[in-house]
Amino acid sequence: MTRGAAPPWNDPVHDLYAEHRNWLHGWLRRRVGSSTDAADLVQDTFLAVVSGGGAQDIRAPRSFLATVAGRILIRRRQRWKLEQSYLEQLAAAPAEHAPSAEAQLLALETLRALDAALEGLPCKARQAFLMAHLELMSYSEIARRLGVSSSSVKQYLTRANRQCLFLMAC
């Protein structure tokens, strides 16, 4: 324990974890169908709670945890969809044009890095980026689906593309 840190029996995150970990694990296991994946998501959820601070102010802990975990689950599914899209494109390519195993691994690592960059964006900007680049939707289609204007979609995509380009430059 670090000097000056609250003992675990006096820590709101510890209390939240102790009281709701099993419930959250069951809630997630029903959604993902795997106890192992659910355990990973529980850890990611509590890591997000610790990073966000303010655990002592939570009024409805189960609703709060379900919201945080749900967002993490959505991001994971989006990442999986992105990876699957890439792998499907590889499978459809003629064998003579297929990239090497090393190039495939590099591409998947790049996709994961892009996903990490997108994770820092607001939800609608991330959704707009995925709709534009994975589903090849037009600005007007994205605007309609998100319930925003086409100019908002343009702003979202500008921000998301800039974030991704910045990541690639590093």
N, C-alpha and C. Protein backbone atom coordinates (compact mmCIF):
# COMPACT_ATOMS: atom_id res chain seq x y z
N MET A 1 0.85 -1.18 0.00
CA MET A 1 0.00 0.00 0.00
C MET A 1 0.89 1.23 0.00
N THR A 2 0.58 2.21 -0.81
CA THR A 2 1.39 3.42 -0.88
C THR A 2 1.07 4.31 0.29
N ARG A 3 2.03 5.09 0.65
CA ARG A 3 1.88 6.01 1.76
C ARG A 3 0.78 7.02 1.46
N GLY A 4 -0.12 7.19 2.40
CA GLY A 4 -1.19 8.16 2.24
C GLY A 4 -2.40 7.62 1.51
N ALA A 5 -2.31 6.40 0.98
CA ALA A 5 -3.45 5.82 0.27
C ALA A 5 -4.46 5.31 1.29
N ALA A 6 -5.72 5.37 0.91
CA ALA A 6 -6.77 4.88 1.79
C ALA A 6 -6.67 3.36 1.88
N PRO A 7 -6.86 2.81 3.09
CA PRO A 7 -6.84 1.35 3.19
C PRO A 7 -8.00 0.77 2.38
N PRO A 8 -7.86 -0.47 1.88
CA PRO A 8 -8.88 -1.03 1.01
C PRO A 8 -10.27 -1.07 1.65
N TRP A 9 -10.34 -1.20 2.97
CA TRP A 9 -11.64 -1.26 3.63
C TRP A 9 -12.29 0.11 3.74
N ASN A 10 -11.60 1.14 3.28
CA ASN A 10 -12.15 2.49 3.33
C ASN A 10 -12.09 3.13 1.94
N ASP A 11 -12.11 2.31 0.91
CA ASP A 11 -11.98 2.78 -0.47
C ASP A 11 -13.28 2.53 -1.22
N PRO A 12 -13.90 3.59 -1.78
CA PRO A 12 -15.18 3.40 -2.47
C PRO A 12 -15.10 2.44 -3.66
N VAL A 13 -13.98 2.42 -4.39
CA VAL A 13 -13.85 1.50 -5.53
C VAL A 13 -13.76 0.06 -5.02
N HIS A 14 -13.01 -0.14 -3.95
CA HIS A 14 -12.91 -1.48 -3.35
C HIS A 14 -14.29 -1.95 -2.92
N ASP A 15 -15.04 -1.08 -2.27
CA ASP A 15 -16.39 -1.44 -1.82
C ASP A 15 -17.29 -1.75 -3.02
N LEU A 16 -17.21 -0.92 -4.05
CA LEU A 16 -18.00 -1.13 -5.26
C LEU A 16 -17.66 -2.48 -5.88
N TYR A 17 -16.37 -2.77 -5.95
CA TYR A 17 -15.90 -4.04 -6.51
C TYR A 17 -16.40 -5.21 -5.68
N ALA A 18 -16.21 -5.13 -4.37
CA ALA A 18 -16.60 -6.23 -3.48
C ALA A 18 -18.11 -6.49 -3.54
N GLU A 19 -18.89 -5.45 -3.63
CA GLU A 19 -20.35 -5.59 -3.61
C GLU A 19 -20.95 -5.99 -4.95
N HIS A 20 -20.31 -5.61 -6.06
CA HIS A 20 -20.97 -5.77 -7.36
C HIS A 20 -20.20 -6.58 -8.39
N ARG A 21 -19.01 -7.04 -8.09
CA ARG A 21 -18.21 -7.79 -9.05
C ARG A 21 -18.94 -9.04 -9.55
N ASN A 22 -19.47 -9.83 -8.63
CA ASN A 22 -20.15 -11.07 -9.05
C ASN A 22 -21.38 -10.78 -9.90
N TRP A 23 -22.14 -9.77 -9.50
CA TRP A 23 -23.32 -9.40 -10.29
C TRP A 23 -22.90 -8.97 -11.70
N LEU A 24 -21.88 -8.10 -11.78
CA LEU A 24 -21.42 -7.60 -13.08
C LEU A 24 -20.90 -8.75 -13.94
N HIS A 25 -20.17 -9.67 -13.33
CA HIS A 25 -19.65 -10.82 -14.07
C HIS A 25 -20.80 -11.62 -14.68
N GLY A 26 -21.84 -11.89 -13.89
CA GLY A 26 -23.00 -12.62 -14.40
C GLY A 26 -23.72 -11.86 -15.50
N TRP A 27 -23.86 -10.56 -15.31
CA TRP A 27 -24.53 -9.71 -16.30
C TRP A 27 -23.78 -9.76 -17.63
N LEU A 28 -22.46 -9.66 -17.56
CA LEU A 28 -21.64 -9.70 -18.77
C LEU A 28 -21.58 -11.10 -19.38
N ARG A 29 -21.51 -12.12 -18.54
CA ARG A 29 -21.46 -13.49 -19.05
C ARG A 29 -22.70 -13.81 -19.88
N ARG A 30 -23.85 -13.33 -19.45
CA ARG A 30 -25.08 -13.54 -20.22
C ARG A 30 -25.01 -12.84 -21.57
N ARG A 31 -24.29 -11.76 -21.67
CA ARG A 31 -24.21 -11.01 -22.92
C ARG A 31 -23.14 -11.54 -23.87
N VAL A 32 -22.03 -12.01 -23.31
CA VAL A 32 -20.93 -12.46 -24.19
C VAL A 32 -20.83 -13.97 -24.30
N GLY A 33 -21.49 -14.70 -23.40
CA GLY A 33 -21.50 -16.15 -23.48
C GLY A 33 -20.23 -16.84 -23.02
N SER A 34 -19.33 -16.11 -22.43
CA SER A 34 -18.05 -16.68 -22.00
C SER A 34 -17.67 -16.11 -20.65
N SER A 35 -17.39 -17.00 -19.71
CA SER A 35 -16.98 -16.55 -18.38
C SER A 35 -15.63 -15.83 -18.42
N THR A 36 -14.73 -16.33 -19.26
CA THR A 36 -13.40 -15.71 -19.39
C THR A 36 -13.50 -14.30 -19.97
N ASP A 37 -14.27 -14.15 -21.05
CA ASP A 37 -14.45 -12.82 -21.64
C ASP A 37 -15.15 -11.89 -20.66
N ALA A 38 -16.12 -12.43 -19.92
CA ALA A 38 -16.83 -11.61 -18.93
C ALA A 38 -15.87 -11.13 -17.85
N ALA A 39 -14.97 -12.02 -17.40
CA ALA A 39 -14.00 -11.63 -16.37
C ALA A 39 -13.08 -10.52 -16.88
N ASP A 40 -12.65 -10.62 -18.14
CA ASP A 40 -11.83 -9.55 -18.73
C ASP A 40 -12.59 -8.23 -18.76
N LEU A 41 -13.86 -8.30 -19.13
CA LEU A 41 -14.68 -7.08 -19.21
C LEU A 41 -14.92 -6.49 -17.82
N VAL A 42 -15.07 -7.34 -16.81
CA VAL A 42 -15.23 -6.84 -15.43
C VAL A 42 -13.98 -6.05 -15.05
N GLN A 43 -12.81 -6.61 -15.33
CA GLN A 43 -11.57 -5.91 -14.99
C GLN A 43 -11.45 -4.59 -15.75
N ASP A 44 -11.78 -4.60 -17.03
CA ASP A 44 -11.73 -3.37 -17.82
C ASP A 44 -12.71 -2.33 -17.29
N THR A 45 -13.88 -2.81 -16.84
CA THR A 45 -14.89 -1.90 -16.29
C THR A 45 -14.38 -1.23 -15.03
N PHE A 46 -13.83 -2.01 -14.12
CA PHE A 46 -13.35 -1.41 -12.87
C PHE A 46 -12.10 -0.56 -13.10
N LEU A 47 -11.30 -0.91 -14.08
CA LEU A 47 -10.17 -0.05 -14.44
C LEU A 47 -10.68 1.30 -14.93
N ALA A 48 -11.74 1.29 -15.72
CA ALA A 48 -12.34 2.55 -16.20
C ALA A 48 -12.91 3.35 -15.03
N VAL A 49 -13.50 2.66 -14.06
CA VAL A 49 -14.05 3.35 -12.88
C VAL A 49 -12.92 4.01 -12.09
N VAL A 50 -11.84 3.27 -11.89
CA VAL A 50 -10.69 3.82 -11.15
C VAL A 50 -10.11 5.02 -11.90
N SER A 51 -9.97 4.89 -13.22
CA SER A 51 -9.41 5.97 -14.03
C SER A 51 -10.31 7.20 -14.03
N GLY A 52 -11.61 6.98 -13.99
CA GLY A 52 -12.56 8.09 -14.04
C GLY A 52 -12.72 8.82 -12.73
N GLY A 53 -12.39 8.17 -11.62
CA GLY A 53 -12.57 8.79 -10.31
C GLY A 53 -14.04 8.96 -9.98
N GLY A 54 -14.31 9.49 -8.82
CA GLY A 54 -15.68 9.80 -8.43
C GLY A 54 -16.52 8.61 -8.03
N ALA A 55 -15.89 7.47 -7.66
CA ALA A 55 -16.65 6.28 -7.28
C ALA A 55 -17.52 6.53 -6.06
N GLN A 56 -17.10 7.44 -5.20
CA GLN A 56 -17.88 7.72 -4.00
C GLN A 56 -19.19 8.43 -4.31
N ASP A 57 -19.32 9.01 -5.50
CA ASP A 57 -20.52 9.76 -5.87
C ASP A 57 -21.55 8.92 -6.63
N ILE A 58 -21.30 7.66 -6.83
CA ILE A 58 -22.20 6.81 -7.61
C ILE A 58 -23.46 6.53 -6.79
N ARG A 59 -24.61 6.89 -7.36
CA ARG A 59 -25.90 6.72 -6.67
C ARG A 59 -26.56 5.37 -6.99
N ALA A 60 -26.44 4.92 -8.23
CA ALA A 60 -27.04 3.66 -8.66
C ALA A 60 -25.92 2.79 -9.23
N PRO A 61 -25.20 2.07 -8.36
CA PRO A 61 -23.99 1.37 -8.80
C PRO A 61 -24.20 0.36 -9.93
N ARG A 62 -25.26 -0.41 -9.88
CA ARG A 62 -25.45 -1.42 -10.93
C ARG A 62 -25.74 -0.76 -12.28
N SER A 63 -26.54 0.28 -12.27
CA SER A 63 -26.81 0.99 -13.53
C SER A 63 -25.53 1.62 -14.06
N PHE A 64 -24.76 2.21 -13.17
CA PHE A 64 -23.50 2.84 -13.56
C PHE A 64 -22.55 1.80 -14.15
N LEU A 65 -22.36 0.69 -13.44
CA LEU A 65 -21.45 -0.35 -13.92
C LEU A 65 -21.93 -0.96 -15.24
N ALA A 66 -23.23 -1.15 -15.37
CA ALA A 66 -23.77 -1.70 -16.62
C ALA A 66 -23.53 -0.74 -17.78
N THR A 67 -23.64 0.56 -17.52
CA THR A 67 -23.39 1.55 -18.57
C THR A 67 -21.92 1.54 -18.99
N VAL A 68 -21.02 1.56 -18.02
CA VAL A 68 -19.58 1.54 -18.32
C VAL A 68 -19.22 0.25 -19.06
N ALA A 69 -19.68 -0.88 -18.54
CA ALA A 69 -19.37 -2.17 -19.16
C ALA A 69 -19.98 -2.27 -20.56
N GLY A 70 -21.18 -1.75 -20.72
CA GLY A 70 -21.84 -1.77 -22.03
C GLY A 70 -21.05 -0.99 -23.06
N ARG A 71 -20.52 0.15 -22.66
CA ARG A 71 -19.71 0.95 -23.59
C ARG A 71 -18.43 0.22 -23.97
N ILE A 72 -17.81 -0.42 -23.00
CA ILE A 72 -16.59 -1.19 -23.29
C ILE A 72 -16.92 -2.34 -24.23
N LEU A 73 -18.04 -3.00 -23.99
CA LEU A 73 -18.46 -4.11 -24.84
C LEU A 73 -18.73 -3.63 -26.27
N ILE A 74 -19.36 -2.49 -26.42
CA ILE A 74 -19.62 -1.93 -27.75
C ILE A 74 -18.30 -1.66 -28.47
N ARG A 75 -17.34 -1.06 -27.75
CA ARG A 75 -16.03 -0.79 -28.38
C ARG A 75 -15.35 -2.08 -28.81
N ARG A 76 -15.44 -3.11 -27.97
CA ARG A 76 -14.83 -4.40 -28.34
C ARG A 76 -15.50 -4.99 -29.58
N ARG A 77 -16.81 -4.89 -29.64
CA ARG A 77 -17.52 -5.43 -30.80
C ARG A 77 -17.18 -4.64 -32.06
N GLN A 78 -17.02 -3.33 -31.91
CA GLN A 78 -16.62 -2.52 -33.07
C GLN A 78 -15.22 -2.92 -33.53
N ARG A 79 -14.33 -3.15 -32.59
CA ARG A 79 -12.97 -3.57 -32.92
C ARG A 79 -13.01 -4.92 -33.64
N TRP A 80 -13.81 -5.84 -33.12
CA TRP A 80 -13.94 -7.15 -33.74
C TRP A 80 -14.49 -7.02 -35.15
N LYS A 81 -15.48 -6.17 -35.33
CA LYS A 81 -16.08 -5.97 -36.65
C LYS A 81 -15.03 -5.42 -37.63
N LEU A 82 -14.21 -4.50 -37.15
CA LEU A 82 -13.16 -3.93 -37.98
C LEU A 82 -12.16 -5.02 -38.39
N GLU A 83 -11.75 -5.85 -37.44
CA GLU A 83 -10.81 -6.93 -37.74
C GLU A 83 -11.43 -7.95 -38.70
N GLN A 84 -12.70 -8.30 -38.46
CA GLN A 84 -13.38 -9.25 -39.34
C GLN A 84 -13.49 -8.72 -40.76
N SER A 85 -13.77 -7.44 -40.88
CA SER A 85 -13.87 -6.83 -42.20
C SER A 85 -12.54 -6.96 -42.94
N TYR A 86 -11.46 -6.70 -42.25
CA TYR A 86 -10.14 -6.83 -42.86
C TYR A 86 -9.87 -8.28 -43.26
N LEU A 87 -10.16 -9.21 -42.36
CA LEU A 87 -9.90 -10.62 -42.66
C LEU A 87 -10.77 -11.13 -43.81
N GLU A 88 -12.00 -10.64 -43.92
CA GLU A 88 -12.87 -11.02 -45.04
C GLU A 88 -12.29 -10.51 -46.36
N GLN A 89 -11.76 -9.31 -46.33
CA GLN A 89 -11.15 -8.75 -47.54
C GLN A 89 -9.93 -9.58 -47.94
N LEU A 90 -9.15 -10.02 -46.95
CA LEU A 90 -8.00 -10.86 -47.24
C LEU A 90 -8.44 -12.18 -47.87
N ALA A 91 -9.48 -12.77 -47.32
CA ALA A 91 -9.96 -14.06 -47.82
C ALA A 91 -10.49 -13.94 -49.25
N ALA A 92 -11.03 -12.79 -49.60
CA ALA A 92 -11.60 -12.59 -50.93
C ALA A 92 -10.52 -12.30 -51.98
N ALA A 93 -9.34 -11.92 -51.54
CA ALA A 93 -8.27 -11.58 -52.48
C ALA A 93 -7.69 -12.85 -53.11
N PRO A 94 -7.35 -12.79 -54.38
CA PRO A 94 -6.69 -13.94 -55.01
C PRO A 94 -5.38 -14.25 -54.28
N ALA A 95 -5.05 -15.53 -54.22
CA ALA A 95 -3.87 -15.97 -53.46
C ALA A 95 -2.60 -15.25 -53.88
N GLU A 96 -2.45 -14.98 -55.17
CA GLU A 96 -1.21 -14.32 -55.62
C GLU A 96 -1.12 -12.86 -55.15
N HIS A 97 -2.26 -12.28 -54.76
CA HIS A 97 -2.26 -10.90 -54.28
C HIS A 97 -2.37 -10.80 -52.76
N ALA A 98 -2.50 -11.94 -52.11
CA ALA A 98 -2.66 -11.94 -50.65
C ALA A 98 -1.36 -11.50 -49.98
N PRO A 99 -1.47 -10.67 -48.95
CA PRO A 99 -0.27 -10.23 -48.24
C PRO A 99 0.33 -11.37 -47.43
N SER A 100 1.60 -11.23 -47.13
CA SER A 100 2.29 -12.24 -46.32
C SER A 100 1.71 -12.25 -44.91
N ALA A 101 2.05 -13.30 -44.16
CA ALA A 101 1.58 -13.39 -42.77
C ALA A 101 2.08 -12.20 -41.97
N GLU A 102 3.30 -11.77 -42.23
CA GLU A 102 3.87 -10.61 -41.53
C GLU A 102 3.08 -9.33 -41.86
N ALA A 103 2.74 -9.16 -43.12
CA ALA A 103 1.96 -7.98 -43.52
C ALA A 103 0.56 -8.02 -42.91
N GLN A 104 -0.01 -9.22 -42.82
CA GLN A 104 -1.33 -9.36 -42.19
C GLN A 104 -1.27 -8.98 -40.71
N LEU A 105 -0.24 -9.45 -40.02
CA LEU A 105 -0.07 -9.13 -38.61
C LEU A 105 0.12 -7.63 -38.42
N LEU A 106 0.93 -7.03 -39.26
CA LEU A 106 1.16 -5.58 -39.19
C LEU A 106 -0.15 -4.82 -39.42
N ALA A 107 -0.95 -5.29 -40.36
CA ALA A 107 -2.23 -4.63 -40.62
C ALA A 107 -3.17 -4.75 -39.43
N LEU A 108 -3.21 -5.93 -38.80
CA LEU A 108 -4.06 -6.09 -37.61
C LEU A 108 -3.58 -5.21 -36.46
N GLU A 109 -2.27 -5.09 -36.30
CA GLU A 109 -1.73 -4.20 -35.26
C GLU A 109 -2.11 -2.76 -35.55
N THR A 110 -2.07 -2.38 -36.81
CA THR A 110 -2.47 -1.02 -37.19
C THR A 110 -3.95 -0.79 -36.90
N LEU A 111 -4.77 -1.80 -37.21
CA LEU A 111 -6.20 -1.69 -36.91
C LEU A 111 -6.43 -1.52 -35.41
N ARG A 112 -5.68 -2.25 -34.61
CA ARG A 112 -5.84 -2.12 -33.15
C ARG A 112 -5.39 -0.74 -32.68
N ALA A 113 -4.34 -0.22 -33.29
CA ALA A 113 -3.89 1.14 -32.94
C ALA A 113 -4.93 2.17 -33.34
N LEU A 114 -5.52 1.99 -34.52
CA LEU A 114 -6.60 2.89 -34.95
C LEU A 114 -7.78 2.82 -33.98
N ASP A 115 -8.10 1.62 -33.55
CA ASP A 115 -9.19 1.46 -32.60
C ASP A 115 -8.88 2.19 -31.30
N ALA A 116 -7.64 2.11 -30.85
CA ALA A 116 -7.26 2.83 -29.64
C ALA A 116 -7.40 4.34 -29.83
N ALA A 117 -7.04 4.82 -31.02
CA ALA A 117 -7.19 6.25 -31.31
C ALA A 117 -8.66 6.65 -31.32
N LEU A 118 -9.49 5.80 -31.88
CA LEU A 118 -10.92 6.09 -31.95
C LEU A 118 -11.57 6.04 -30.57
N GLU A 119 -11.01 5.24 -29.69
CA GLU A 119 -11.58 5.11 -28.35
C GLU A 119 -11.61 6.44 -27.61
N GLY A 120 -10.67 7.31 -27.90
CA GLY A 120 -10.63 8.61 -27.25
C GLY A 120 -11.60 9.63 -27.81
N LEU A 121 -12.31 9.26 -28.86
CA LEU A 121 -13.25 10.19 -29.50
C LEU A 121 -14.63 10.10 -28.86
N PRO A 122 -15.42 11.16 -29.00
CA PRO A 122 -16.82 11.08 -28.56
C PRO A 122 -17.53 9.97 -29.36
N CYS A 123 -18.55 9.41 -28.76
CA CYS A 123 -19.28 8.28 -29.34
C CYS A 123 -19.74 8.53 -30.77
N LYS A 124 -20.35 9.68 -31.03
CA LYS A 124 -20.88 9.95 -32.38
C LYS A 124 -19.77 10.10 -33.41
N ALA A 125 -18.65 10.67 -33.02
CA ALA A 125 -17.52 10.79 -33.96
C ALA A 125 -16.98 9.41 -34.30
N ARG A 126 -16.87 8.55 -33.30
CA ARG A 126 -16.40 7.18 -33.53
C ARG A 126 -17.38 6.43 -34.43
N GLN A 127 -18.67 6.55 -34.13
CA GLN A 127 -19.68 5.87 -34.94
C GLN A 127 -19.66 6.37 -36.39
N ALA A 128 -19.53 7.67 -36.56
CA ALA A 128 -19.50 8.24 -37.91
C ALA A 128 -18.29 7.70 -38.68
N PHE A 129 -17.15 7.63 -38.04
CA PHE A 129 -15.94 7.11 -38.67
C PHE A 129 -16.16 5.66 -39.13
N LEU A 130 -16.70 4.83 -38.25
CA LEU A 130 -16.92 3.43 -38.59
C LEU A 130 -17.95 3.27 -39.70
N MET A 131 -19.01 4.08 -39.66
CA MET A 131 -20.02 4.00 -40.72
C MET A 131 -19.45 4.42 -42.06
N ALA A 132 -18.62 5.45 -42.04
CA ALA A 132 -18.05 5.95 -43.29
C ALA A 132 -17.02 4.98 -43.87
N HIS A 133 -16.17 4.42 -43.00
CA HIS A 133 -15.07 3.61 -43.50
C HIS A 133 -15.35 2.11 -43.57
N LEU A 134 -16.25 1.61 -42.74
CA LEU A 134 -16.56 0.18 -42.79
C LEU A 134 -17.81 -0.11 -43.61
N GLU A 135 -18.82 0.73 -43.41
CA GLU A 135 -20.08 0.50 -44.10
C GLU A 135 -20.20 1.34 -45.37
N LEU A 136 -19.20 2.18 -45.62
CA LEU A 136 -19.14 3.03 -46.81
C LEU A 136 -20.42 3.86 -46.99
N MET A 137 -20.90 4.40 -45.88
CA MET A 137 -22.12 5.21 -45.91
C MET A 137 -21.78 6.65 -46.28
N SER A 138 -22.72 7.32 -46.92
CA SER A 138 -22.55 8.73 -47.28
C SER A 138 -22.80 9.60 -46.04
N TYR A 139 -22.39 10.88 -46.14
CA TYR A 139 -22.64 11.82 -45.04
C TYR A 139 -24.12 11.87 -44.69
N SER A 140 -24.97 11.92 -45.70
CA SER A 140 -26.41 12.03 -45.44
C SER A 140 -26.96 10.77 -44.77
N GLU A 141 -26.45 9.60 -45.17
CA GLU A 141 -26.89 8.35 -44.52
C GLU A 141 -26.44 8.31 -43.07
N ILE A 142 -25.20 8.72 -42.83
CA ILE A 142 -24.68 8.75 -41.46
C ILE A 142 -25.48 9.75 -40.62
N ALA A 143 -25.73 10.92 -41.19
CA ALA A 143 -26.48 11.95 -40.48
C ALA A 143 -27.86 11.44 -40.09
N ARG A 144 -28.50 10.76 -41.01
CA ARG A 144 -29.84 10.24 -40.74
C ARG A 144 -29.79 9.20 -39.62
N ARG A 145 -28.81 8.31 -39.68
CA ARG A 145 -28.71 7.25 -38.67
C ARG A 145 -28.35 7.81 -37.29
N LEU A 146 -27.49 8.83 -37.25
CA LEU A 146 -27.09 9.42 -35.97
C LEU A 146 -28.05 10.49 -35.48
N GLY A 147 -28.95 10.93 -36.36
CA GLY A 147 -29.89 11.98 -35.97
C GLY A 147 -29.23 13.35 -35.84
N VAL A 148 -28.27 13.61 -36.73
CA VAL A 148 -27.56 14.90 -36.72
C VAL A 148 -27.53 15.45 -38.15
N SER A 149 -26.97 16.64 -38.31
CA SER A 149 -26.87 17.24 -39.64
C SER A 149 -25.65 16.68 -40.38
N SER A 150 -25.66 16.86 -41.69
CA SER A 150 -24.50 16.43 -42.50
C SER A 150 -23.26 17.22 -42.13
N SER A 151 -23.43 18.49 -41.76
CA SER A 151 -22.25 19.28 -41.36
C SER A 151 -21.66 18.74 -40.05
N SER A 152 -22.51 18.23 -39.16
CA SER A 152 -21.99 17.60 -37.94
C SER A 152 -21.20 16.35 -38.29
N VAL A 153 -21.72 15.57 -39.24
CA VAL A 153 -21.01 14.37 -39.68
C VAL A 153 -19.64 14.76 -40.24
N LYS A 154 -19.59 15.82 -41.03
CA LYS A 154 -18.32 16.28 -41.59
C LYS A 154 -17.35 16.63 -40.47
N GLN A 155 -17.83 17.32 -39.44
CA GLN A 155 -16.98 17.68 -38.30
C GLN A 155 -16.50 16.42 -37.57
N TYR A 156 -17.41 15.47 -37.36
CA TYR A 156 -17.03 14.22 -36.68
C TYR A 156 -15.94 13.50 -37.45
N LEU A 157 -16.13 13.40 -38.77
CA LEU A 157 -15.16 12.67 -39.59
C LEU A 157 -13.83 13.41 -39.68
N THR A 158 -13.88 14.72 -39.73
CA THR A 158 -12.64 15.50 -39.75
C THR A 158 -11.85 15.24 -38.47
N ARG A 159 -12.55 15.27 -37.35
CA ARG A 159 -11.88 15.04 -36.06
C ARG A 159 -11.33 13.61 -35.98
N ALA A 160 -12.14 12.63 -36.37
CA ALA A 160 -11.71 11.23 -36.31
C ALA A 160 -10.55 10.96 -37.25
N ASN A 161 -10.63 11.47 -38.47
CA ASN A 161 -9.55 11.27 -39.43
C ASN A 161 -8.27 11.94 -38.96
N ARG A 162 -8.39 13.13 -38.39
CA ARG A 162 -7.22 13.84 -37.86
C ARG A 162 -6.58 13.02 -36.73
N GLN A 163 -7.41 12.48 -35.86
CA GLN A 163 -6.92 11.67 -34.74
C GLN A 163 -6.15 10.45 -35.27
N CYS A 164 -6.71 9.80 -36.28
CA CYS A 164 -6.06 8.62 -36.85
C CYS A 164 -4.77 8.98 -37.57
N LEU A 165 -4.77 10.08 -38.31
CA LEU A 165 -3.55 10.52 -39.00
C LEU A 165 -2.46 10.88 -38.01
N PHE A 166 -2.84 11.52 -36.91
CA PHE A 166 -1.88 11.87 -35.87
C PHE A 166 -1.25 10.61 -35.30
N LEU A 167 -2.07 9.60 -35.07
CA LEU A 167 -1.57 8.34 -34.54
C LEU A 167 -0.58 7.70 -35.50
N MET A 168 -0.92 7.72 -36.79
CA MET A 168 -0.05 7.10 -37.78
C MET A 168 1.27 7.84 -37.95
N ALA A 169 1.27 9.13 -37.66
CA ALA A 169 2.49 9.92 -37.79
C ALA A 169 3.45 9.66 -36.64
N CYS A 170 2.93 9.18 -35.52
CA CYS A 170 3.78 8.96 -34.32
C CYS A 170 4.59 7.70 -34.44
